[in-house]
Amino acid sequence: MQRSTTSRSSGDLLADRRYDYAMFARAEGDLPAAADLLAQTLEIVPRWAPAWFALGEVEAAQGRRDEAIAAFREALAQDPSDALGAALALARLGVADIAAAMAPAYVAALFDQYAPRFDSALRAGLAYRGPEILHDAVARSCAMRGRDGTFTRMLDLGCGTGLAAEVFAPRVEVMDGVDLSPRMIDIARQKGIYRDLAVGDLAGFLGQQHAASADLVAAADVFVYLADLAPIARDSARVLVPGGLLAFTVETHPGEGVVLGAGLRYAHAEALVRAVVTGAGLDILLLEAVSTRNEADRPVPGLVVVAGRA
């Protein structure tokens, strides 16, 4: 998904035109012209974060690292909520902490703009199959445990438009979901699958749940937007009944720890995932290499994990 700044207006018609010309020059590959036009834009509206952010991207594309860093820092200063993801850009340039770079406002804005075409873009454009992979892993884990494959209550973390809910619905009596994006929640609500839907972050949502109140917590391709999985794993373990399951997918990489990829999603090493799950007091029932989506027609390396509360 590409971040969009063109839908925002500076409030000044001349500045907006300069900005639009800059975006056209950038699309045509004329980066020096784009940088010059963005500089002209910022002479008119010096506090407009989207123009600073776009300038940072243009400068980075030209290999002008110091200038890019300065522009991204100014974008962040003008919009501390960081809906554009300037901290992520700074992290990619090595001057910000990747663990703290993913602002909730950025994730919400990203998926708000993506919501109307989310389902079709993922399914057709990226061959997305995360919900099906997660459902299959849960079914096999239940079979290995000799337990019934149905669930009384499922929590759908980062539920989006309800793609996972559509797949899991035949197995679940009651389903509640949460997502940062109001527009994604609106689409999920229209599907009529959930009992309750909340707009908010995962930690806040899980913190409001009673202990031992769910027998399945699912997160399909949501943890790619979290650097530190340990708090969510612990919170999930708390809300699970004995024998309940936590099932999730992540993107992964062959090194150690967590890295921020070029697609501005986090990839977690397998050893780190194992440590997080067991550290939360859960038993790993299944952990397999999978790919839930393609990028540039190539599978993105990932893991599917199902863990149980003893």
Protein backbone atom coordinates (compact mmCIF):
# COMPACT_ATOMS: atom_id res chain seq x y z
CA MET A 1 0.00 0.00 0.00
CA GLN A 2 1.25 3.44 -0.89
CA ARG A 3 0.77 6.38 1.40
CA SER A 4 -1.20 9.22 -0.13
CA THR A 5 -0.64 12.90 0.53
CA THR A 6 -2.37 14.24 -2.58
CA SER A 7 -5.84 14.09 -1.01
CA ARG A 8 -4.87 16.75 1.51
CA SER A 9 -5.17 20.48 0.86
CA SER A 10 -2.87 23.10 2.30
CA GLY A 11 -5.70 25.65 2.30
CA ASP A 12 -3.84 27.75 -0.25
CA LEU A 13 -4.76 27.24 -3.92
CA LEU A 14 -1.36 28.36 -5.25
CA ALA A 15 0.47 26.03 -2.87
CA ASP A 16 -1.81 23.14 -3.82
CA ARG A 17 -1.06 23.72 -7.49
CA ARG A 18 2.70 23.77 -6.85
CA TYR A 19 2.33 20.57 -4.91
CA ASP A 20 0.33 18.90 -7.68
CA TYR A 21 2.94 19.94 -10.25
CA ALA A 22 5.62 18.48 -7.99
CA MET A 23 3.80 15.16 -7.77
CA PHE A 24 3.45 15.11 -11.56
CA ALA A 25 7.18 15.80 -12.00
CA ARG A 26 7.98 13.07 -9.53
CA ALA A 27 5.76 10.58 -11.37
CA GLU A 28 7.56 11.51 -14.61
CA GLY A 29 10.93 10.84 -12.97
CA ASP A 30 12.06 14.47 -12.83
CA LEU A 31 13.12 14.48 -9.19
CA PRO A 32 15.08 17.77 -9.22
CA ALA A 33 12.03 19.58 -10.60
CA ALA A 34 9.81 17.90 -8.00
CA ALA A 35 12.15 19.02 -5.21
CA ASP A 36 12.19 22.58 -6.53
CA LEU A 37 8.41 22.73 -6.79
CA LEU A 38 8.01 21.34 -3.27
CA ALA A 39 10.44 23.98 -1.99
CA GLN A 40 8.24 26.61 -3.68
CA THR A 41 5.19 25.05 -2.04
CA LEU A 42 6.81 25.26 1.39
CA GLU A 43 7.72 28.91 0.88
CA ILE A 44 3.96 29.54 0.72
CA VAL A 45 2.83 27.05 3.41
CA PRO A 46 5.88 26.31 5.58
CA ARG A 47 3.89 24.33 8.14
CA TRP A 48 2.21 21.89 5.74
CA ALA A 49 3.36 18.41 6.74
CA PRO A 50 2.42 16.59 3.49
CA ALA A 51 4.74 18.82 1.45
CA TRP A 52 7.62 18.24 3.89
CA PHE A 53 6.97 14.51 3.75
CA ALA A 54 6.88 14.48 -0.04
CA LEU A 55 10.11 16.50 -0.13
CA GLY A 56 11.71 13.92 2.14
CA GLU A 57 10.70 11.12 -0.23
CA VAL A 58 12.01 13.02 -3.26
CA GLU A 59 15.32 13.84 -1.56
CA ALA A 60 15.73 10.23 -0.43
CA ALA A 61 15.07 9.04 -3.99
CA GLN A 62 17.91 11.30 -5.15
CA GLY A 63 20.28 9.87 -2.55
CA ARG A 64 20.34 13.12 -0.60
CA ARG A 65 20.13 11.48 2.82
CA ASP A 66 20.77 14.51 5.05
CA GLU A 67 18.21 16.60 3.18
CA ALA A 68 15.68 13.77 3.35
CA ILE A 69 16.19 13.39 7.10
CA ALA A 70 15.70 17.12 7.64
CA ALA A 71 12.48 17.10 5.61
CA PHE A 72 11.03 14.08 7.38
CA ARG A 73 11.87 15.56 10.76
CA GLU A 74 10.07 18.77 9.78
CA ALA A 75 7.04 16.72 8.64
CA LEU A 76 6.98 15.03 12.04
CA ALA A 77 7.34 18.35 13.84
CA GLN A 78 4.37 19.77 11.94
CA ASP A 79 2.24 16.64 12.53
CA PRO A 80 3.26 14.99 15.82
CA SER A 81 0.49 12.38 15.39
CA ASP A 82 2.51 11.24 12.35
CA ALA A 83 -0.37 10.21 10.11
CA LEU A 84 2.02 10.25 7.15
CA GLY A 85 4.60 7.90 8.68
CA ALA A 86 7.57 10.26 8.86
CA ALA A 87 9.01 8.34 11.81
CA LEU A 88 8.94 5.18 9.72
CA ALA A 89 10.84 6.96 6.95
CA LEU A 90 13.37 8.15 9.51
CA ALA A 91 13.69 4.62 10.87
CA ARG A 92 14.39 3.34 7.36
CA LEU A 93 17.15 5.97 7.15
CA GLY A 94 18.60 4.72 10.44
CA VAL A 95 17.89 7.74 12.60
CA ALA A 96 14.80 6.62 14.53
CA ASP A 97 13.90 3.65 16.71
CA ILE A 98 12.07 1.13 14.53
CA ALA A 99 10.24 -0.22 17.59
CA ALA A 100 8.53 3.13 18.19
CA ALA A 101 8.15 4.23 14.58
CA MET A 102 4.70 2.87 13.71
CA ALA A 103 2.29 5.56 14.94
CA PRO A 104 -1.37 4.53 15.42
CA ALA A 105 -2.43 7.61 13.44
CA TYR A 106 -0.36 6.39 10.49
CA VAL A 107 -1.95 2.93 10.53
CA ALA A 108 -5.45 4.38 10.87
CA ALA A 109 -4.93 6.85 8.02
CA LEU A 110 -3.36 4.19 5.81
CA PHE A 111 -6.28 1.82 6.15
CA ASP A 112 -8.95 4.52 6.10
CA GLN A 113 -7.84 5.49 2.60
CA TYR A 114 -7.44 1.84 1.60
CA ALA A 115 -10.77 0.59 2.98
CA PRO A 116 -13.03 0.96 -0.10
CA ARG A 117 -10.76 -1.24 -2.22
CA PHE A 118 -9.20 -3.34 0.53
CA ASP A 119 -10.89 -6.68 -0.13
CA SER A 120 -10.46 -6.69 -3.89
CA ALA A 121 -6.93 -5.29 -3.80
CA LEU A 122 -5.70 -7.93 -1.37
CA ARG A 123 -7.49 -10.88 -2.90
CA ALA A 124 -6.93 -10.10 -6.58
CA GLY A 125 -3.86 -7.87 -6.51
CA LEU A 126 -1.77 -9.58 -3.83
CA ALA A 127 -3.21 -13.11 -3.86
CA TYR A 128 -3.93 -12.69 -0.16
CA ARG A 129 -4.79 -15.91 1.68
CA GLY A 130 -4.08 -15.10 5.33
CA PRO A 131 -7.52 -15.97 6.75
CA GLU A 132 -7.58 -19.35 4.99
CA ILE A 133 -4.07 -20.20 6.17
CA LEU A 134 -4.98 -19.21 9.73
CA HIS A 135 -8.23 -21.18 9.64
CA ASP A 136 -6.45 -24.30 8.37
CA ALA A 137 -3.80 -24.02 11.08
CA VAL A 138 -6.43 -23.69 13.80
CA ALA A 139 -8.38 -26.68 12.45
CA ARG A 140 -5.27 -28.85 12.39
CA SER A 141 -4.25 -27.74 15.88
CA CYS A 142 -7.69 -28.69 17.20
CA ALA A 143 -7.42 -32.10 15.54
CA MET A 144 -3.98 -32.68 17.06
CA ARG A 145 -5.40 -31.85 20.48
CA GLY A 146 -8.46 -34.02 19.95
CA ARG A 147 -10.73 -31.09 20.65
CA ASP A 148 -13.86 -29.85 18.97
CA GLY A 149 -13.03 -27.31 16.27
CA THR A 150 -15.75 -24.86 17.27
CA PHE A 151 -15.41 -21.85 19.55
CA THR A 152 -17.74 -19.96 21.85
CA ARG A 153 -16.13 -16.53 21.50
CA MET A 154 -13.45 -15.27 19.15
CA LEU A 155 -11.61 -11.96 19.36
CA ASP A 156 -10.55 -10.73 15.92
CA LEU A 157 -7.53 -8.46 16.43
CA GLY A 158 -7.04 -5.92 13.67
CA CYS A 159 -10.21 -7.20 12.06
CA GLY A 160 -10.12 -4.83 9.09
CA THR A 161 -13.10 -5.37 6.82
CA GLY A 162 -13.87 -8.78 8.30
CA LEU A 163 -12.04 -11.09 5.88
CA ALA A 164 -10.99 -13.44 8.68
CA ALA A 165 -14.46 -13.28 10.22
CA GLU A 166 -16.00 -14.54 6.98
CA VAL A 167 -13.75 -17.60 7.07
CA PHE A 168 -14.08 -18.36 10.79
CA ALA A 169 -17.80 -17.61 11.14
CA PRO A 170 -18.97 -21.25 10.76
CA ARG A 171 -16.78 -22.25 13.72
CA VAL A 172 -17.61 -19.40 16.10
CA GLU A 173 -20.77 -18.58 18.08
CA VAL A 174 -19.85 -14.99 19.01
CA MET A 175 -17.23 -12.80 17.40
CA ASP A 176 -15.93 -9.40 18.55
CA GLY A 177 -13.40 -7.32 16.62
CA VAL A 178 -11.18 -4.27 16.87
CA ASP A 179 -9.33 -2.12 14.35
CA LEU A 180 -7.67 1.28 14.30
CA SER A 181 -9.44 2.33 11.12
CA PRO A 182 -13.02 3.61 11.45
CA ARG A 183 -13.66 3.11 7.73
CA MET A 184 -12.55 -0.52 7.90
CA ILE A 185 -14.82 -1.04 10.89
CA ASP A 186 -17.73 0.48 8.97
CA ILE A 187 -17.27 -2.08 6.18
CA ALA A 188 -16.89 -4.95 8.66
CA ARG A 189 -20.10 -3.92 10.40
CA GLN A 190 -22.03 -4.08 7.14
CA LYS A 191 -21.20 -7.79 6.82
CA GLY A 192 -23.30 -8.59 9.89
CA ILE A 193 -20.89 -11.18 11.31
CA TYR A 194 -19.68 -9.51 14.51
CA ARG A 195 -21.55 -9.06 17.76
CA ASP A 196 -19.47 -6.01 18.61
CA LEU A 197 -16.82 -3.92 16.86
CA ALA A 198 -14.51 -1.36 18.42
CA VAL A 199 -12.28 1.32 16.94
CA GLY A 200 -9.00 1.33 18.84
CA ASP A 201 -5.63 -0.27 19.40
CA LEU A 202 -5.09 -3.90 20.31
CA ALA A 203 -3.69 -3.25 23.79
CA GLY A 204 -6.59 -1.05 24.82
CA PHE A 205 -9.13 -3.52 23.43
CA LEU A 206 -7.59 -6.55 25.14
CA GLY A 207 -7.21 -4.60 28.37
CA GLN A 208 -10.98 -4.12 28.47
CA GLN A 209 -11.70 -7.83 28.14
CA HIS A 210 -12.35 -9.99 31.20
CA ALA A 211 -9.86 -12.70 32.03
CA ALA A 212 -10.68 -16.11 30.57
CA SER A 213 -13.46 -14.63 28.40
CA ALA A 214 -12.53 -15.99 24.95
CA ASP A 215 -11.48 -19.36 23.60
CA LEU A 216 -9.92 -18.04 20.37
CA VAL A 217 -7.87 -14.92 19.73
CA ALA A 218 -7.00 -14.50 16.06
CA ALA A 219 -4.79 -11.97 14.27
CA ALA A 220 -4.46 -12.35 10.52
CA ASP A 221 -1.57 -10.24 9.19
CA VAL A 222 -1.92 -7.69 11.97
CA PHE A 223 1.30 -8.18 13.88
CA VAL A 224 3.24 -6.89 10.87
CA TYR A 225 2.32 -3.45 12.24
CA LEU A 226 3.73 -4.14 15.70
CA ALA A 227 7.41 -4.24 16.55
CA ASP A 228 7.02 -5.63 20.07
CA LEU A 229 4.66 -8.61 20.17
CA ALA A 230 5.26 -9.52 23.82
CA PRO A 231 2.58 -7.27 25.43
CA ILE A 232 -0.12 -8.43 23.02
CA ALA A 233 0.84 -12.07 23.53
CA ARG A 234 0.59 -11.64 27.31
CA ASP A 235 -2.73 -9.82 27.06
CA SER A 236 -4.08 -12.52 24.75
CA ALA A 237 -3.02 -15.25 27.16
CA ARG A 238 -4.85 -13.46 29.97
CA VAL A 239 -8.17 -13.33 28.13
CA LEU A 240 -8.02 -16.96 26.96
CA VAL A 241 -9.87 -19.69 28.81
CA PRO A 242 -7.84 -22.81 29.71
CA GLY A 243 -7.38 -24.67 26.45
CA GLY A 244 -8.04 -21.51 24.43
CA LEU A 245 -5.99 -20.69 21.35
CA LEU A 246 -4.02 -17.72 20.08
CA ALA A 247 -3.59 -17.91 16.30
CA PHE A 248 -1.71 -15.38 14.19
CA THR A 249 0.41 -14.78 11.13
CA VAL A 250 3.56 -12.67 10.85
CA GLU A 251 6.09 -11.83 8.20
CA THR A 252 9.55 -13.16 8.90
CA HIS A 253 13.21 -12.88 7.90
CA PRO A 254 16.27 -15.14 8.23
CA GLY A 255 18.13 -12.96 10.73
CA GLU A 256 17.50 -12.11 14.37
CA GLY A 257 14.99 -9.90 16.12
CA VAL A 258 12.63 -7.59 14.27
CA VAL A 259 13.31 -5.56 11.14
CA LEU A 260 11.36 -2.86 9.30
CA GLY A 261 11.03 -3.89 5.68
CA ALA A 262 10.87 -1.77 2.55
CA GLY A 263 7.08 -2.17 2.57
CA LEU A 264 6.99 -0.46 5.99
CA ARG A 265 5.87 -3.61 7.79
CA TYR A 266 7.72 -5.41 10.55
CA ALA A 267 9.22 -8.85 9.99
CA HIS A 268 9.92 -11.03 13.06
CA ALA A 269 12.54 -13.76 13.23
CA GLU A 270 11.24 -17.22 14.08
CA ALA A 271 13.33 -17.44 17.26
CA LEU A 272 11.84 -14.17 18.48
CA VAL A 273 8.30 -15.35 17.77
CA ARG A 274 8.89 -18.55 19.71
CA ALA A 275 10.34 -16.63 22.65
CA VAL A 276 7.41 -14.19 22.71
CA VAL A 277 4.80 -16.94 22.69
CA THR A 278 6.41 -19.11 25.34
CA GLY A 279 7.22 -16.02 27.40
CA ALA A 280 3.49 -15.31 27.55
CA GLY A 281 2.93 -18.72 29.13
CA LEU A 282 1.50 -20.32 26.00
CA ASP A 283 2.41 -23.64 24.42
CA ILE A 284 3.23 -23.62 20.72
CA LEU A 285 1.00 -26.16 19.01
CA LEU A 286 1.90 -25.28 15.43
CA LEU A 287 4.48 -23.02 13.83
CA GLU A 288 5.03 -23.27 10.08
CA ALA A 289 6.57 -21.26 7.28
CA VAL A 290 3.88 -19.79 5.03
CA SER A 291 3.26 -16.86 2.71
CA THR A 292 -0.03 -15.04 3.09
CA ARG A 293 0.51 -12.59 0.22
CA ASN A 294 2.61 -11.74 -2.80
CA GLU A 295 4.55 -8.60 -3.57
CA ALA A 296 5.92 -7.96 -7.05
CA ASP A 297 4.54 -11.42 -7.89
CA ARG A 298 6.77 -13.06 -5.28
CA PRO A 299 5.62 -14.74 -2.03
CA VAL A 300 6.38 -12.75 1.12
CA PRO A 301 8.04 -15.04 3.74
CA GLY A 302 5.95 -15.52 6.85
CA LEU A 303 4.92 -17.75 9.71
CA VAL A 304 1.61 -19.07 10.95
CA VAL A 305 1.44 -19.79 14.68
CA VAL A 306 -1.14 -21.45 16.88
CA ALA A 307 -0.49 -21.49 20.62
CA GLY A 308 -2.60 -22.79 23.46
CA ARG A 309 -3.18 -21.87 27.06
CA ALA A 310 -2.53 -24.88 29.24
